[in-house]
Protein backbone atom coordinates (compact mmCIF):
# COMPACT_ATOMS: atom_id res chain seq x y z
CA MET A 1 -26.65 13.50 31.73
CA PHE A 2 -23.74 12.70 29.39
CA THR A 3 -25.58 14.15 26.39
CA GLU A 4 -26.24 17.35 28.32
CA PHE A 5 -22.59 17.66 29.33
CA ILE A 6 -21.42 17.08 25.72
CA LYS A 7 -23.79 19.85 24.54
CA LEU A 8 -22.39 22.18 27.21
CA ALA A 9 -18.85 21.33 26.12
CA LEU A 10 -19.63 22.06 22.46
CA GLN A 11 -21.36 25.33 23.40
CA SER A 12 -18.30 26.35 25.39
CA MET A 13 -16.05 25.59 22.40
CA VAL A 14 -18.24 27.65 20.05
CA THR A 15 -18.38 30.56 22.49
CA SER A 16 -14.57 30.85 22.67
CA LYS A 17 -13.56 29.87 19.13
CA LEU A 18 -10.04 31.33 19.08
CA ARG A 19 -9.12 29.99 22.50
CA THR A 20 -10.51 26.58 21.56
CA LEU A 21 -8.57 26.57 18.30
CA LEU A 22 -5.31 27.44 20.01
CA SER A 23 -5.82 24.81 22.70
CA LEU A 24 -6.63 22.16 20.08
CA LEU A 25 -3.64 22.96 17.89
CA GLY A 26 -1.26 20.61 19.72
CA ILE A 27 -3.74 17.72 19.53
CA VAL A 28 -4.47 18.35 15.83
CA ILE A 29 -0.77 18.55 14.91
CA GLY A 30 0.09 15.47 16.97
CA VAL A 31 -2.68 13.28 15.55
CA ALA A 32 -2.10 14.54 11.99
CA SER A 33 1.64 13.78 12.30
CA VAL A 34 1.01 10.25 13.56
CA ILE A 35 -1.59 9.52 10.86
CA THR A 36 0.64 10.92 8.10
CA ILE A 37 3.73 9.00 9.19
CA VAL A 38 1.92 5.69 9.66
CA ASN A 39 0.05 5.99 6.35
CA LEU A 40 3.26 6.89 4.53
CA GLY A 41 5.07 3.96 6.12
CA GLU A 42 2.33 1.52 5.16
CA SER A 43 2.09 2.91 1.62
CA ALA A 44 5.87 2.78 1.18
CA SER A 45 6.01 -0.80 2.47
CA LYS A 46 3.14 -2.03 0.29
CA SER A 47 4.47 -0.17 -2.78
CA ILE A 48 7.92 -1.72 -2.32
CA GLN A 49 6.35 -5.15 -1.99
CA ALA A 50 4.25 -4.54 -5.11
CA ASP A 51 7.32 -3.47 -7.11
CA ILE A 52 9.24 -6.53 -5.99
CA ALA A 53 6.25 -8.75 -6.72
CA ALA A 54 6.16 -7.31 -10.24
CA ALA A 55 9.77 -8.41 -10.61
CA GLY A 56 8.76 -11.90 -9.57
CA VAL A 57 8.94 -12.84 -5.90
CA GLU A 58 8.95 -16.45 -7.07
CA THR A 59 12.39 -15.99 -8.63
CA ILE A 60 15.71 -16.91 -6.99
CA SER A 61 19.15 -15.83 -8.16
CA VAL A 62 22.25 -17.94 -7.53
CA SER A 63 25.81 -16.98 -8.46
CA PRO A 64 29.39 -17.95 -7.53
CA ARG A 65 31.26 -15.68 -5.14
CA THR A 66 34.71 -17.25 -5.34
CA ARG A 67 37.77 -16.63 -7.51
CA ASP A 68 38.81 -20.26 -7.21
CA ARG A 69 38.80 -21.43 -10.84
CA GLU A 70 38.05 -25.05 -10.03
CA VAL A 71 35.11 -24.15 -7.82
CA ARG A 72 33.72 -21.72 -10.39
CA ARG A 73 33.82 -24.43 -13.03
CA THR A 74 31.28 -26.42 -11.02
CA PHE A 75 28.77 -23.67 -11.82
CA ASP A 76 27.95 -25.04 -15.26
CA LEU A 77 24.95 -26.21 -17.30
CA GLU A 78 25.12 -29.63 -15.67
CA MET A 79 24.62 -28.02 -12.24
CA ALA A 80 21.57 -26.24 -13.63
CA ASP A 81 20.10 -29.62 -14.66
CA ARG A 82 20.89 -31.06 -11.22
CA ILE A 83 19.19 -28.21 -9.40
CA ARG A 84 16.12 -28.56 -11.60
CA SER A 85 15.87 -32.32 -11.08
CA GLU A 86 16.94 -32.63 -7.43
CA ILE A 87 15.31 -29.61 -5.76
CA PRO A 88 11.52 -29.86 -5.32
CA GLY A 89 9.62 -26.72 -6.26
CA VAL A 90 12.01 -25.60 -9.03
CA TYR A 91 10.10 -24.96 -12.25
CA ARG A 92 12.75 -23.46 -14.49
CA ILE A 93 16.43 -22.49 -14.26
CA ILE A 94 18.15 -20.12 -16.66
CA PRO A 95 21.95 -19.77 -16.95
CA THR A 96 23.18 -16.24 -17.71
CA HIS A 97 26.46 -14.52 -18.46
CA GLN A 98 27.27 -11.02 -19.67
CA PHE A 99 29.90 -8.48 -20.67
CA ASN A 100 29.93 -4.79 -21.54
CA THR A 101 30.81 -3.88 -25.09
CA THR A 102 30.05 -1.76 -28.14
CA VAL A 103 27.34 -2.77 -30.61
CA ARG A 104 27.32 -1.28 -34.12
CA PHE A 105 24.81 -0.82 -36.89
CA GLN A 106 26.15 0.98 -39.96
CA ASN A 107 27.51 4.28 -38.59
CA ARG A 108 25.66 4.09 -35.27
CA THR A 109 27.13 2.65 -32.06
CA TYR A 110 25.67 1.64 -28.74
CA ASP A 111 27.62 0.97 -25.54
CA GLY A 112 25.73 -1.52 -23.44
CA THR A 113 25.59 -5.02 -22.02
CA VAL A 114 25.42 -8.24 -24.01
CA MET A 115 23.73 -11.05 -22.08
CA GLY A 116 23.88 -14.72 -22.96
CA VAL A 117 20.61 -16.34 -21.83
CA SER A 118 18.48 -19.33 -22.72
CA ASP A 119 15.36 -19.10 -24.89
CA GLU A 120 13.17 -19.38 -21.75
CA TYR A 121 14.46 -16.08 -20.36
CA ALA A 122 11.73 -13.80 -21.74
CA GLU A 123 8.87 -15.99 -20.55
CA THR A 124 10.45 -16.50 -17.14
CA MET A 125 11.00 -12.77 -16.59
CA ASP A 126 7.61 -11.86 -18.11
CA TYR A 127 9.41 -9.86 -20.80
CA GLN A 128 7.36 -9.17 -23.92
CA ALA A 129 8.52 -8.48 -27.48
CA ALA A 130 7.37 -5.24 -29.10
CA GLU A 131 8.57 -6.33 -32.55
CA GLY A 132 9.61 -9.73 -33.83
CA ALA A 133 10.16 -12.39 -31.17
CA PHE A 134 12.67 -13.67 -28.65
CA PHE A 135 15.06 -16.26 -30.07
CA SER A 136 14.08 -19.94 -30.00
CA ASP A 137 15.42 -23.10 -28.42
CA MET A 138 16.73 -24.13 -31.87
CA ASP A 139 18.66 -20.85 -32.09
CA ASN A 140 20.32 -21.73 -28.79
CA GLU A 141 20.97 -25.40 -29.62
CA GLU A 142 22.55 -24.58 -33.00
CA PHE A 143 24.65 -21.64 -31.74
CA ARG A 144 22.93 -19.25 -34.15
CA GLN A 145 24.05 -15.64 -34.23
CA VAL A 146 20.76 -13.94 -33.50
CA ALA A 147 20.16 -11.07 -31.11
CA VAL A 148 17.24 -9.44 -29.31
CA LEU A 149 17.46 -5.76 -28.35
CA GLY A 150 16.22 -4.03 -25.23
CA SER A 151 14.22 -0.86 -25.88
CA LEU A 152 17.09 1.58 -25.19
CA ALA A 153 19.53 -0.39 -27.34
CA ALA A 154 16.99 -0.46 -30.17
CA GLU A 155 16.32 3.26 -29.83
CA ASP A 156 20.01 4.12 -30.21
CA LEU A 157 20.72 1.70 -33.06
CA PHE A 158 17.41 2.08 -34.91
CA PRO A 159 15.95 5.49 -34.01
CA ASP A 160 13.56 5.28 -36.96
CA GLY A 161 12.40 1.75 -36.10
CA GLY A 162 12.51 -1.26 -38.38
CA GLY A 163 15.38 -3.06 -36.66
CA VAL A 164 14.01 -6.60 -36.92
CA GLY A 165 15.82 -8.51 -39.67
CA GLU A 166 18.76 -6.11 -39.77
CA TYR A 167 22.32 -7.16 -38.93
CA ILE A 168 24.33 -5.69 -36.07
CA ARG A 169 27.95 -6.23 -35.07
CA ILE A 170 28.95 -7.07 -31.52
CA MET A 171 32.52 -6.17 -30.60
CA ARG A 172 34.60 -8.52 -28.45
CA GLY A 173 38.38 -8.30 -28.01
CA GLY A 174 38.90 -6.34 -31.22
CA THR A 175 36.75 -8.75 -33.23
CA ALA A 176 33.25 -7.95 -34.54
CA ARG A 177 30.69 -10.73 -34.93
CA THR A 178 27.55 -10.23 -37.00
CA PHE A 179 24.13 -10.97 -35.52
CA ARG A 180 20.68 -10.84 -37.07
CA VAL A 181 18.11 -8.92 -35.00
CA ALA A 182 15.28 -11.34 -34.19
CA GLY A 183 13.24 -9.05 -31.98
CA ILE A 184 12.96 -5.80 -30.06
CA MET A 185 11.59 -5.96 -26.53
CA GLU A 186 9.09 -3.72 -24.82
CA GLU A 187 10.25 -1.25 -22.19
CA LYS A 188 10.49 -2.92 -18.77
CA SER A 189 11.34 -1.56 -15.35
CA SER A 190 14.60 -2.80 -13.88
CA SER A 191 14.50 -5.62 -11.33
CA PHE A 192 16.87 -8.20 -9.92
CA ASN A 193 19.68 -5.73 -10.63
CA ILE A 194 18.93 -6.22 -14.33
CA GLN A 195 18.51 -3.13 -16.47
CA PHE A 196 16.40 -4.86 -19.11
CA ASN A 197 16.12 -1.98 -21.56
CA GLN A 198 19.84 -1.44 -22.12
CA ASN A 199 20.73 -5.08 -22.80
CA VAL A 200 21.35 -7.00 -26.01
CA TYR A 201 20.35 -10.67 -25.61
CA ILE A 202 21.93 -13.56 -27.50
CA PRO A 203 21.59 -17.38 -27.09
CA TYR A 204 23.62 -18.68 -24.16
CA ASN A 205 25.35 -21.40 -26.22
CA THR A 206 26.32 -18.85 -28.87
CA TYR A 207 27.66 -16.56 -26.15
CA ALA A 208 29.68 -19.33 -24.48
CA ASN A 209 31.08 -20.96 -27.61
CA ARG A 210 31.36 -18.31 -30.32
CA VAL A 211 31.54 -14.89 -28.68
CA THR A 212 33.50 -15.67 -25.53
CA SER A 213 35.39 -18.56 -24.05
CA ILE A 214 33.80 -19.01 -20.63
CA ASP A 215 33.98 -22.08 -18.43
CA PHE A 216 31.37 -21.21 -15.79
CA VAL A 217 27.86 -19.75 -15.46
CA ARG A 218 27.86 -16.26 -14.01
CA SER A 219 24.38 -16.63 -12.47
CA TYR A 220 21.30 -18.82 -12.50
CA LEU A 221 17.82 -17.34 -12.51
CA ILE A 222 15.55 -19.91 -10.88
CA ARG A 223 11.76 -19.70 -11.15
CA THR A 224 9.83 -21.71 -8.59
CA GLU A 225 6.62 -23.59 -9.28
CA GLU A 226 3.35 -21.77 -8.72
CA GLY A 227 2.34 -21.95 -5.08
CA ALA A 228 5.77 -23.13 -3.91
CA ASP A 229 7.33 -21.60 -0.79
CA VAL A 230 10.14 -19.53 -2.30
CA LEU A 231 12.13 -19.29 0.91
CA ALA A 232 11.85 -23.04 1.51
CA VAL A 233 13.09 -23.71 -2.04
CA ALA A 234 15.96 -21.25 -1.47
CA ASP A 235 16.88 -23.15 1.70
CA GLU A 236 16.93 -26.43 -0.25
CA ILE A 237 19.19 -24.86 -2.89
CA ASP A 238 21.42 -23.51 -0.13
CA GLU A 239 21.82 -27.01 1.35
CA PHE A 240 22.48 -28.47 -2.11
CA LEU A 241 25.19 -25.90 -2.95
CA GLU A 242 26.81 -26.31 0.45
CA ARG A 243 27.19 -30.03 -0.28
CA VAL A 244 28.41 -29.51 -3.85
CA VAL A 245 30.70 -26.45 -3.69
CA GLY A 246 31.04 -25.70 0.02
CA SER A 247 29.88 -22.87 2.25
CA GLY A 248 30.89 -19.32 1.34
CA HIS A 249 31.39 -20.01 -2.40
CA TYR A 250 27.99 -18.74 -3.63
CA TYR A 251 25.33 -16.06 -3.28
CA ILE A 252 21.58 -16.73 -3.05
CA PHE A 253 19.21 -13.83 -3.56
CA THR A 254 15.41 -13.92 -3.28
CA PRO A 255 13.14 -10.89 -3.81
CA SER A 256 10.74 -12.22 -1.16
CA THR A 257 13.53 -11.95 1.42
CA ILE A 258 14.19 -8.36 0.38
CA ALA A 259 10.44 -7.62 0.42
CA ASP A 260 10.11 -8.92 3.99
CA MET A 261 13.23 -7.04 5.08
CA ALA A 262 12.10 -3.78 3.44
CA SER A 263 8.64 -4.13 4.98
CA SER A 264 10.10 -4.80 8.43
CA ILE A 265 12.49 -1.83 8.24
CA THR A 266 9.80 0.52 6.92
CA ASN A 267 7.27 -0.52 9.56
CA THR A 268 9.81 -0.20 12.38
CA LEU A 269 10.90 3.23 11.17
CA SER A 270 7.26 4.33 10.87
CA MET A 271 6.47 3.22 14.40
CA VAL A 272 9.54 5.02 15.80
CA LEU A 273 8.67 8.24 13.95
CA ALA A 274 5.01 7.93 14.96
CA SER A 275 6.04 7.52 18.59
CA ILE A 276 8.17 10.66 18.36
CA ALA A 277 5.29 12.53 16.71
CA ALA A 278 2.96 11.34 19.49
CA ILE A 279 4.99 13.41 21.96
CA SER A 280 3.27 16.48 20.51
CA LEU A 281 0.01 14.98 21.82
CA LEU A 282 1.40 15.36 25.33
CA VAL A 283 2.21 18.98 24.56
CA GLY A 284 -1.36 19.35 23.33
CA GLY A 285 -2.57 17.76 26.56
CA ILE A 286 -0.79 20.43 28.58
CA GLY A 287 -2.64 23.01 26.48
CA ILE A 288 -5.92 21.26 27.29
CA MET A 289 -5.10 21.33 31.02
CA ASN A 290 -4.33 25.04 30.78
CA ILE A 291 -7.58 25.88 28.99
CA MET A 292 -9.60 23.77 31.43
CA LEU A 293 -8.00 25.54 34.43
CA VAL A 294 -8.91 28.87 32.83
CA SER A 295 -12.44 27.56 32.25
CA VAL A 296 -12.76 26.52 35.91
CA ALA A 297 -11.57 29.95 37.02
CA GLU A 298 -14.00 31.74 34.71
CA ARG A 299 -16.92 29.58 35.79
CA THR A 300 -16.23 29.53 39.52
CA THR A 301 -19.45 31.43 40.28
CA GLU A 302 -21.42 29.09 38.03
CA ILE A 303 -19.94 26.11 39.87
CA GLY A 304 -20.90 27.71 43.21
CA ILE A 305 -24.50 28.20 42.07
CA ARG A 306 -24.77 24.61 40.82
CA LYS A 307 -23.42 23.27 44.10
CA ALA A 308 -25.77 25.55 46.06
CA ILE A 309 -28.79 24.08 44.28
CA GLY A 310 -27.66 20.52 44.90
CA ALA A 311 -25.08 19.51 42.26
CA SER A 312 -22.74 16.89 43.74
CA PRO A 313 -18.94 17.08 43.46
CA ARG A 314 -19.10 13.90 41.35
CA ARG A 315 -21.44 15.59 38.87
CA ILE A 316 -19.17 18.64 38.63
CA LEU A 317 -16.16 16.33 38.17
CA THR A 318 -17.93 14.39 35.41
CA GLN A 319 -18.97 17.57 33.62
CA PHE A 320 -15.46 18.97 33.38
CA LEU A 321 -13.94 15.60 32.47
CA ILE A 322 -16.43 15.18 29.62
CA GLU A 323 -15.62 18.72 28.46
CA ALA A 324 -11.91 17.89 28.31
CA VAL A 325 -12.47 14.56 26.54
CA THR A 326 -14.89 16.16 24.05
CA LEU A 327 -12.37 18.90 23.34
CA THR A 328 -9.57 16.44 22.58
CA LEU A 329 -11.88 14.16 20.59
CA VAL A 330 -12.78 17.06 18.30
CA GLY A 331 -9.05 17.81 17.97
CA GLY A 332 -8.40 14.13 17.21
CA ILE A 333 -11.04 14.07 14.46
CA LEU A 334 -9.62 17.24 12.90
CA GLY A 335 -6.12 15.72 13.16
CA ILE A 336 -7.26 12.50 11.47
CA ALA A 337 -8.79 14.49 8.60
CA ALA A 338 -5.61 16.56 8.23
CA GLY A 339 -3.42 13.43 8.42
CA ILE A 340 -5.41 11.67 5.69
CA GLY A 341 -5.15 14.73 3.45
CA LEU A 342 -1.40 15.18 4.04
CA SER A 343 -0.53 11.50 3.61
CA SER A 344 -2.66 11.25 0.47
CA ALA A 345 -0.86 14.25 -1.05
CA ALA A 346 2.57 12.92 -0.03
CA VAL A 347 1.85 9.49 -1.53
CA ARG A 348 0.88 11.10 -4.85
CA PHE A 349 4.12 13.13 -4.74
CA PHE A 350 6.21 9.96 -4.29
CA ASP A 351 4.11 8.14 -6.91
CA TRP A 352 3.14 5.35 -4.50
CA SER A 353 -0.17 3.61 -4.10
CA PHE A 354 -2.17 4.85 -1.11
CA TYR A 355 -2.68 2.22 1.60
CA PRO A 356 -4.35 3.91 4.60
CA MET A 357 -4.16 2.17 7.99
CA VAL A 358 -7.75 2.61 9.13
CA ASN A 359 -7.16 0.98 12.51
CA ILE A 360 -4.69 3.73 13.45
CA TYR A 361 -7.50 6.28 13.05
CA PHE A 362 -9.47 4.70 15.88
CA LEU A 363 -6.30 4.36 17.94
CA ALA A 364 -5.48 8.05 17.41
CA ALA A 365 -9.02 9.11 18.36
CA GLY A 366 -8.92 6.91 21.46
CA PHE A 367 -5.49 8.18 22.46
CA SER A 368 -6.54 11.80 22.06
CA MET A 369 -9.55 11.12 24.32
CA ALA A 370 -7.23 9.48 26.85
CA VAL A 371 -5.00 12.58 26.75
CA GLY A 372 -8.08 14.72 27.41
CA GLY A 373 -9.11 12.53 30.33
CA PHE A 374 -5.62 12.51 31.85
CA PHE A 375 -4.89 16.22 31.55
CA GLY A 376 -8.48 17.23 32.28
CA LEU A 377 -8.60 15.29 35.53
CA TYR A 378 -6.78 17.86 37.68
CA PRO A 379 -8.95 20.85 36.59
CA ALA A 380 -12.07 18.67 37.04
CA VAL A 381 -11.02 17.64 40.55
CA LYS A 382 -10.25 21.26 41.37
CA ALA A 383 -13.72 22.30 40.19
CA ALA A 384 -15.37 19.49 42.16
CA LYS A 385 -13.60 20.49 45.40
CA LEU A 386 -14.60 24.18 45.27
CA ASP A 387 -16.45 25.36 48.35
CA PRO A 388 -19.88 26.67 47.23
CA ILE A 389 -19.78 29.74 49.53
CA GLU A 390 -16.27 30.72 48.40
CA ALA A 391 -17.27 30.10 44.79
CA LEU A 392 -20.32 32.35 45.07
CA ASN A 393 -18.20 35.14 46.57
CA TYR A 394 -15.45 34.69 43.88
CA GLU A 395 -14.77 37.78 41.79
C-alpha cells in the first residue's frame, strides 16, 4: 500500500512540474540554508582549531602585567628554573624579551623587532632554518653577538640572498652593535601574537647584558610534555604564580583555551543561525499545505469514486499524508544537495578545510518529512472526511 501511494505521489509531482517546483522552493531553500550554515560553522571551528594546533596547543605563555618594579623583577631566569623544576608536566621554558628598532646592512635598513630568546626557541616553536642555523647554547652562555633573521627581515636586508656570515648592525639608543648573521629562518605563519617572519633573533643573555639593561623577563614560553594536560599544567602554574607574586600580577595564555572558546562561540553562532534559517522550512510547509489543499480540490471526484468503491477514510488520509511527506522529502534531498554544494564552495572561498556534518543531513531530511506530515495533515483529514455523494457531484 505504501509503495503504491509513493508512486502516486511521484506521478502527481511529475504531472505538475512547475507547481511542484514552486511548492518545494521553501523546503529546498530552508534545508540548503541550514546545511550551509552548519557545515560552514563546523569547517570554521575545525580550521581554527587546526591553525591553533599548528601553533602548538601544548604551549603556554606567561608574562607580568604589573608596573610594580619589585614585582616585575621576580620574573627572572631563576623563576623560569623554578617553574621547570616545580611544576609537573613542564618540558621546556623559554624567556623572551623584545624591542622595536632599526637594523642596518651596508646602505640597507630594516625596521622590525629584535627578540632576545634562548637557543631552544626554534625547536620549541617548530621553527626551521632555511639557511645556516639557529644560534647555539654556547652563543647564549658566552653572550656572543650573533643574530638569526626572519624571512621578511632577510628579504629586506639581503634581497639577493647570501646573508649568512655577513655582519649587521642593530641600533639601540643611538648606539649600533655589530652582529654576525648565523642563520635565516623559513617563512612561518604568525601564532601566539608572534610575527615570526619580521623578527631578528639574538641570544637572550646577549640581549639582557650587552644590548639592553633589563631586570625582568617580558614573557615565558612554556612547552608542556607530550601527552600532558595543558590546561591542568596552566592551572598549576597559576597557583604557583599566585603564591610567588600574588593574584593579578601576571597573564597566562594557552592556545587550547582559545581553541575551545573559538569552537564554542562558532558552534553556538552556527546553531543560532541554523535555527533562524529553519524558519524558512515553516514557510515551505505552508506552501506544501496550500498545494495539498489544491490537490484535494482538484481530485475531489477521484476521492468520491474511491470511496464509492470501498476506500476507507483512513486509506484516503494515509494516501494524502504520504503524498505530503514524499513531497517534502524530495525537497529535503534537493536542499541537502544544494547545501553541500554551497558550503563546499564557500569553504574554498575562505580557504578552510571542508568538514561536513553528515548527521545534520539526516536531521534535515527527517525534519522536512515532519514538516510535510504536520502541514499535510489538515488537507489529508479534509480529503478523508469528504462525503462520497457530494464528491461525485463536485464540479
